């Protein structure tokens, strides 16, 4: 599973970085992906945070 953040949509709410810090971090008030290839043990957490993103900026492939 791969994940990315659409920086044009990101509102900088920090939900993803606070929820899955092994995958997301905040930089310049935007979420950034630390590790695009999500380990199996974090896939459910990343899907949950993508579903919870208030601006739908997290894209899971």
PDB file of N, CA and C in Angstrom:
ATOM      1  N   UNK A   1       0.841  -1.168   0.000  1.00  0.00           N
ATOM      2  CA  UNK A   1       0.000   0.000   0.000  1.00  0.00           C
ATOM      3  C   UNK A   1       0.890   1.236   0.000  1.00  0.00           C
ATOM      4  N   UNK A   2       0.500   2.222  -0.797  1.00  0.00           N
ATOM      5  CA  UNK A   2       1.229   3.490  -0.851  1.00  0.00           C
ATOM      6  C   UNK A   2       0.322   4.618  -0.389  1.00  0.00           C
ATOM      7  N   UNK A   3       0.922   5.658   0.142  1.00  0.00           N
ATOM      8  CA  UNK A   3       0.163   6.816   0.606  1.00  0.00           C
ATOM      9  C   UNK A   3       0.877   8.090   0.178  1.00  0.00           C
ATOM     10  N   UNK A   4       0.081   9.117  -0.072  1.00  0.00           N
ATOM     11  CA  UNK A   4       0.631  10.438  -0.374  1.00  0.00           C
ATOM     12  C   UNK A   4      -0.334  11.494   0.136  1.00  0.00           C
ATOM     13  N   UNK A   5       0.157  12.715   0.227  1.00  0.00           N
ATOM     14  CA  UNK A   5      -0.656  13.838   0.679  1.00  0.00           C
ATOM     15  C   UNK A   5      -0.742  14.852  -0.458  1.00  0.00           C
ATOM     16  N   UNK A   6      -1.959  15.264  -0.766  1.00  0.00           N
ATOM     17  CA  UNK A   6      -2.164  16.332  -1.735  1.00  0.00           C
ATOM     18  C   UNK A   6      -1.960  17.652  -0.984  1.00  0.00           C
ATOM     19  N   UNK A   7      -0.807  18.256  -1.180  1.00  0.00           N
ATOM     20  CA  UNK A   7      -0.455  19.461  -0.432  1.00  0.00           C
ATOM     21  C   UNK A   7      -1.350  20.644  -0.782  1.00  0.00           C
ATOM     22  N   UNK A   8      -1.978  20.620  -1.945  1.00  0.00           N
ATOM     23  CA  UNK A   8      -2.897  21.691  -2.308  1.00  0.00           C
ATOM     24  C   UNK A   8      -4.183  21.634  -1.485  1.00  0.00           C
ATOM     25  N   UNK A   9      -4.515  20.447  -0.988  1.00  0.00           N
ATOM     26  CA  UNK A   9      -5.722  20.281  -0.175  1.00  0.00           C
ATOM     27  C   UNK A   9      -5.439  20.346   1.325  1.00  0.00           C
ATOM     28  N   UNK A  10      -4.234  19.992   1.725  1.00  0.00           N
ATOM     29  CA  UNK A  10      -3.897  19.884   3.144  1.00  0.00           C
ATOM     30  C   UNK A  10      -4.148  21.201   3.877  1.00  0.00           C
ATOM     31  N   UNK A  11      -4.858  21.085   5.016  1.00  0.00           N
ATOM     32  CA  UNK A  11      -5.162  22.267   5.829  1.00  0.00           C
ATOM     33  C   UNK A  11      -4.227  22.398   7.024  1.00  0.00           C
ATOM     34  N   UNK A  12      -3.339  21.418   7.206  1.00  0.00           N
ATOM     35  CA  UNK A  12      -2.379  21.483   8.308  1.00  0.00           C
ATOM     36  C   UNK A  12      -2.987  21.198   9.664  1.00  0.00           C
ATOM     37  N   UNK A  13      -4.032  20.402   9.717  1.00  0.00           N
ATOM     38  CA  UNK A  13      -4.712  20.140  10.992  1.00  0.00           C
ATOM     39  C   UNK A  13      -3.918  19.231  11.924  1.00  0.00           C
ATOM     40  N   UNK A  14      -2.920  18.531  11.413  1.00  0.00           N
ATOM     41  CA  UNK A  14      -2.015  17.662  12.169  1.00  0.00           C
ATOM     42  C   UNK A  14      -2.624  16.329  12.593  1.00  0.00           C
ATOM     43  N   UNK A  15      -3.834  16.025  12.167  1.00  0.00           N
ATOM     44  CA  UNK A  15      -4.472  14.766  12.541  1.00  0.00           C
ATOM     45  C   UNK A  15      -3.632  13.569  12.128  1.00  0.00           C
ATOM     46  N   UNK A  16      -3.149  13.559  10.904  1.00  0.00           N
ATOM     47  CA  UNK A  16      -2.378  12.402  10.416  1.00  0.00           C
ATOM     48  C   UNK A  16      -1.049  12.272  11.153  1.00  0.00           C
ATOM     49  N   UNK A  17      -0.357  13.370  11.336  1.00  0.00           N
ATOM     50  CA  UNK A  17       0.945  13.331  12.008  1.00  0.00           C
ATOM     51  C   UNK A  17       0.809  12.902  13.465  1.00  0.00           C
ATOM     52  N   UNK A  18      -0.266  13.313  14.110  1.00  0.00           N
ATOM     53  CA  UNK A  18      -0.499  12.911  15.495  1.00  0.00           C
ATOM     54  C   UNK A  18      -0.956  11.459  15.593  1.00  0.00           C
ATOM     55  N   UNK A  19      -1.678  10.984  14.591  1.00  0.00           N
ATOM     56  CA  UNK A  19      -2.240   9.636  14.622  1.00  0.00           C
ATOM     57  C   UNK A  19      -1.255   8.555  14.173  1.00  0.00           C
ATOM     58  N   UNK A  20      -0.466   8.856  13.138  1.00  0.00           N
ATOM     59  CA  UNK A  20       0.468   7.863  12.588  1.00  0.00           C
ATOM     60  C   UNK A  20       1.820   8.541  12.346  1.00  0.00           C
ATOM     61  N   UNK A  21       2.543   8.866  13.423  1.00  0.00           N
ATOM     62  CA  UNK A  21       3.805   9.607  13.282  1.00  0.00           C
ATOM     63  C   UNK A  21       4.918   8.840  12.574  1.00  0.00           C
ATOM     64  N   UNK A  22       4.768   7.533  12.423  1.00  0.00           N
ATOM     65  CA  UNK A  22       5.767   6.767  11.676  1.00  0.00           C
ATOM     66  C   UNK A  22       5.624   6.979  10.175  1.00  0.00           C
ATOM     67  N   UNK A  23       4.490   7.511   9.737  1.00  0.00           N
ATOM     68  CA  UNK A  23       4.216   7.698   8.315  1.00  0.00           C
ATOM     69  C   UNK A  23       4.143   9.176   7.933  1.00  0.00           C
ATOM     70  N   UNK A  24       3.580   9.999   8.812  1.00  0.00           N
ATOM     71  CA  UNK A  24       3.365  11.417   8.502  1.00  0.00           C
ATOM     72  C   UNK A  24       4.124  12.321   9.472  1.00  0.00           C
ATOM     73  N   UNK A  25       4.525  13.479   8.967  1.00  0.00           N
ATOM     74  CA  UNK A  25       5.104  14.514   9.813  1.00  0.00           C
ATOM     75  C   UNK A  25       4.594  15.862   9.307  1.00  0.00           C
ATOM     76  N   UNK A  26       4.717  16.868  10.131  1.00  0.00           N
ATOM     77  CA  UNK A  26       4.334  18.218   9.737  1.00  0.00           C
ATOM     78  C   UNK A  26       5.588  18.995   9.366  1.00  0.00           C
ATOM     79  N   UNK A  27       5.499  19.718   8.268  1.00  0.00           N
ATOM     80  CA  UNK A  27       6.612  20.540   7.801  1.00  0.00           C
ATOM     81  C   UNK A  27       6.022  21.757   7.100  1.00  0.00           C
ATOM     82  N   UNK A  28       6.389  22.939   7.541  1.00  0.00           N
ATOM     83  CA  UNK A  28       5.864  24.179   6.960  1.00  0.00           C
ATOM     84  C   UNK A  28       4.336  24.200   6.981  1.00  0.00           C
ATOM     85  N   UNK A  29       3.749  23.718   8.100  1.00  0.00           N
ATOM     86  CA  UNK A  29       2.300  23.697   8.305  1.00  0.00           C
ATOM     87  C   UNK A  29       1.553  22.814   7.313  1.00  0.00           C
ATOM     88  N   UNK A  30       2.242  21.864   6.708  1.00  0.00           N
ATOM     89  CA  UNK A  30       1.618  20.892   5.808  1.00  0.00           C
ATOM     90  C   UNK A  30       2.063  19.497   6.213  1.00  0.00           C
ATOM     91  N   UNK A  31       1.195  18.531   5.976  1.00  0.00           N
ATOM     92  CA  UNK A  31       1.544  17.142   6.241  1.00  0.00           C
ATOM     93  C   UNK A  31       2.462  16.638   5.141  1.00  0.00           C
ATOM     94  N   UNK A  32       3.457  15.890   5.532  1.00  0.00           N
ATOM     95  CA  UNK A  32       4.396  15.261   4.599  1.00  0.00           C
ATOM     96  C   UNK A  32       4.438  13.775   4.915  1.00  0.00           C
ATOM     97  N   UNK A  33       4.671  12.974   3.899  1.00  0.00           N
ATOM     98  CA  UNK A  33       4.794  11.535   4.080  1.00  0.00           C
ATOM     99  C   UNK A  33       6.268  11.203   4.324  1.00  0.00           C
ATOM    100  N   UNK A  34       6.534  10.520   5.409  1.00  0.00           N
ATOM    101  CA  UNK A  34       7.888  10.090   5.746  1.00  0.00           C
ATOM    102  C   UNK A  34       8.218   8.806   4.997  1.00  0.00           C
ATOM    103  N   UNK A  35       7.225   7.902   4.928  1.00  0.00           N
ATOM    104  CA  UNK A  35       7.423   6.584   4.330  1.00  0.00           C
ATOM    105  C   UNK A  35       6.204   6.281   3.464  1.00  0.00           C
ATOM    106  N   UNK A  36       6.347   6.423   2.154  1.00  0.00           N
ATOM    107  CA  UNK A  36       5.223   6.247   1.229  1.00  0.00           C
ATOM    108  C   UNK A  36       4.756   4.801   1.128  1.00  0.00           C
ATOM    109  N   UNK A  37       5.682   3.860   1.253  1.00  0.00           N
ATOM    110  CA  UNK A  37       5.334   2.440   1.213  1.00  0.00           C
ATOM    111  C   UNK A  37       4.979   2.017   2.638  1.00  0.00           C
ATOM    112  N   UNK A  38       3.689   1.919   2.908  1.00  0.00           N
ATOM    113  CA  UNK A  38       3.209   1.700   4.274  1.00  0.00           C
ATOM    114  C   UNK A  38       3.412   0.243   4.696  1.00  0.00           C
ATOM    115  N   UNK A  39       4.062   0.019   5.843  1.00  0.00           N
ATOM    116  CA  UNK A  39       4.217  -1.343   6.358  1.00  0.00           C
ATOM    117  C   UNK A  39       2.838  -1.942   6.686  1.00  0.00           C
ATOM    118  N   UNK A  40       2.726  -3.236   6.545  1.00  0.00           N
ATOM    119  CA  UNK A  40       1.445  -3.924   6.754  1.00  0.00           C
ATOM    120  C   UNK A  40       0.827  -3.622   8.122  1.00  0.00           C
ATOM    121  N   UNK A  41       1.648  -3.503   9.151  1.00  0.00           N
ATOM    122  CA  UNK A  41       1.120  -3.279  10.496  1.00  0.00           C
ATOM    123  C   UNK A  41       0.538  -1.874  10.688  1.00  0.00           C
ATOM    124  N   UNK A  42       0.781  -0.962   9.740  1.00  0.00           N
ATOM    125  CA  UNK A  42       0.240   0.402   9.853  1.00  0.00           C
ATOM    126  C   UNK A  42      -0.835   0.698   8.812  1.00  0.00           C
ATOM    127  N   UNK A  43      -1.134  -0.266   7.952  1.00  0.00           N
ATOM    128  CA  UNK A  43      -2.098  -0.018   6.880  1.00  0.00           C
ATOM    129  C   UNK A  43      -3.473   0.393   7.409  1.00  0.00           C
ATOM    130  N   UNK A  44      -3.970  -0.287   8.414  1.00  0.00           N
ATOM    131  CA  UNK A  44      -5.288   0.048   8.959  1.00  0.00           C
ATOM    132  C   UNK A  44      -5.296   1.453   9.547  1.00  0.00           C
ATOM    133  N   UNK A  45      -4.243   1.828  10.264  1.00  0.00           N
ATOM    134  CA  UNK A  45      -4.151   3.166  10.850  1.00  0.00           C
ATOM    135  C   UNK A  45      -4.136   4.238   9.765  1.00  0.00           C
ATOM    136  N   UNK A  46      -3.399   3.987   8.682  1.00  0.00           N
ATOM    137  CA  UNK A  46      -3.318   4.963   7.590  1.00  0.00           C
ATOM    138  C   UNK A  46      -4.666   5.083   6.885  1.00  0.00           C
ATOM    139  N   UNK A  47      -5.348   3.967   6.671  1.00  0.00           N
ATOM    140  CA  UNK A  47      -6.691   4.026   6.057  1.00  0.00           C
ATOM    141  C   UNK A  47      -7.657   4.810   6.942  1.00  0.00           C
ATOM    142  N   UNK A  48      -7.586   4.569   8.246  1.00  0.00           N
ATOM    143  CA  UNK A  48      -8.465   5.283   9.179  1.00  0.00           C
ATOM    144  C   UNK A  48      -8.218   6.779   9.146  1.00  0.00           C
ATOM    145  N   UNK A  49      -6.958   7.175   9.160  1.00  0.00           N
ATOM    146  CA  UNK A  49      -6.651   8.600   9.170  1.00  0.00           C
ATOM    147  C   UNK A  49      -6.990   9.236   7.818  1.00  0.00           C
ATOM    148  N   UNK A  50      -6.848   8.494   6.735  1.00  0.00           N
ATOM    149  CA  UNK A  50      -7.239   9.002   5.420  1.00  0.00           C
ATOM    150  C   UNK A  50      -8.746   9.247   5.388  1.00  0.00           C
ATOM    151  N   UNK A  51      -9.505   8.313   5.962  1.00  0.00           N
ATOM    152  CA  UNK A  51     -10.959   8.472   6.018  1.00  0.00           C
ATOM    153  C   UNK A  51     -11.369   9.629   6.923  1.00  0.00           C
ATOM    154  N   UNK A  52     -10.544   9.938   7.917  1.00  0.00           N
ATOM    155  CA  UNK A  52     -10.848  10.997   8.884  1.00  0.00           C
ATOM    156  C   UNK A  52     -10.344  12.368   8.472  1.00  0.00           C
ATOM    157  N   UNK A  53      -9.496  12.431   7.467  1.00  0.00           N
ATOM    158  CA  UNK A  53      -8.932  13.720   7.039  1.00  0.00           C
ATOM    159  C   UNK A  53     -10.071  14.668   6.645  1.00  0.00           C
ATOM    160  N   UNK A  54     -10.150  15.825   7.288  1.00  0.00           N
ATOM    161  CA  UNK A  54     -11.288  16.729   7.044  1.00  0.00           C
ATOM    162  C   UNK A  54     -11.324  17.321   5.633  1.00  0.00           C
ATOM    163  N   UNK A  55     -10.202  17.311   4.937  1.00  0.00           N
ATOM    164  CA  UNK A  55     -10.172  17.879   3.583  1.00  0.00           C
ATOM    165  C   UNK A  55      -9.836  16.834   2.517  1.00  0.00           C
ATOM    166  N   UNK A  56      -9.811  15.551   2.944  1.00  0.00           N
ATOM    167  CA  UNK A  56      -9.543  14.429   2.036  1.00  0.00           C
ATOM    168  C   UNK A  56      -8.241  14.590   1.272  1.00  0.00           C
ATOM    169  N   UNK A  57      -7.207  15.029   1.980  1.00  0.00           N
ATOM    170  CA  UNK A  57      -5.903  15.281   1.351  1.00  0.00           C
ATOM    171  C   UNK A  57      -5.006  14.049   1.326  1.00  0.00           C
ATOM    172  N   UNK A  58      -5.379  12.986   2.031  1.00  0.00           N
ATOM    173  CA  UNK A  58      -4.556  11.789   2.082  1.00  0.00           C
ATOM    174  C   UNK A  58      -5.063  10.790   1.050  1.00  0.00           C
ATOM    175  N   UNK A  59      -4.184  10.407   0.150  1.00  0.00           N
ATOM    176  CA  UNK A  59      -4.537   9.498  -0.938  1.00  0.00           C
ATOM    177  C   UNK A  59      -3.839   8.162  -0.702  1.00  0.00           C
ATOM    178  N   UNK A  60      -4.624   7.107  -0.662  1.00  0.00           N
ATOM    179  CA  UNK A  60      -4.112   5.756  -0.456  1.00  0.00           C
ATOM    180  C   UNK A  60      -4.276   4.980  -1.745  1.00  0.00           C
ATOM    181  N   UNK A  61      -3.186   4.358  -2.210  1.00  0.00           N
ATOM    182  CA  UNK A  61      -3.221   3.532  -3.424  1.00  0.00           C
ATOM    183  C   UNK A  61      -2.952   2.091  -3.072  1.00  0.00           C
TER     184      UNK A  61
END
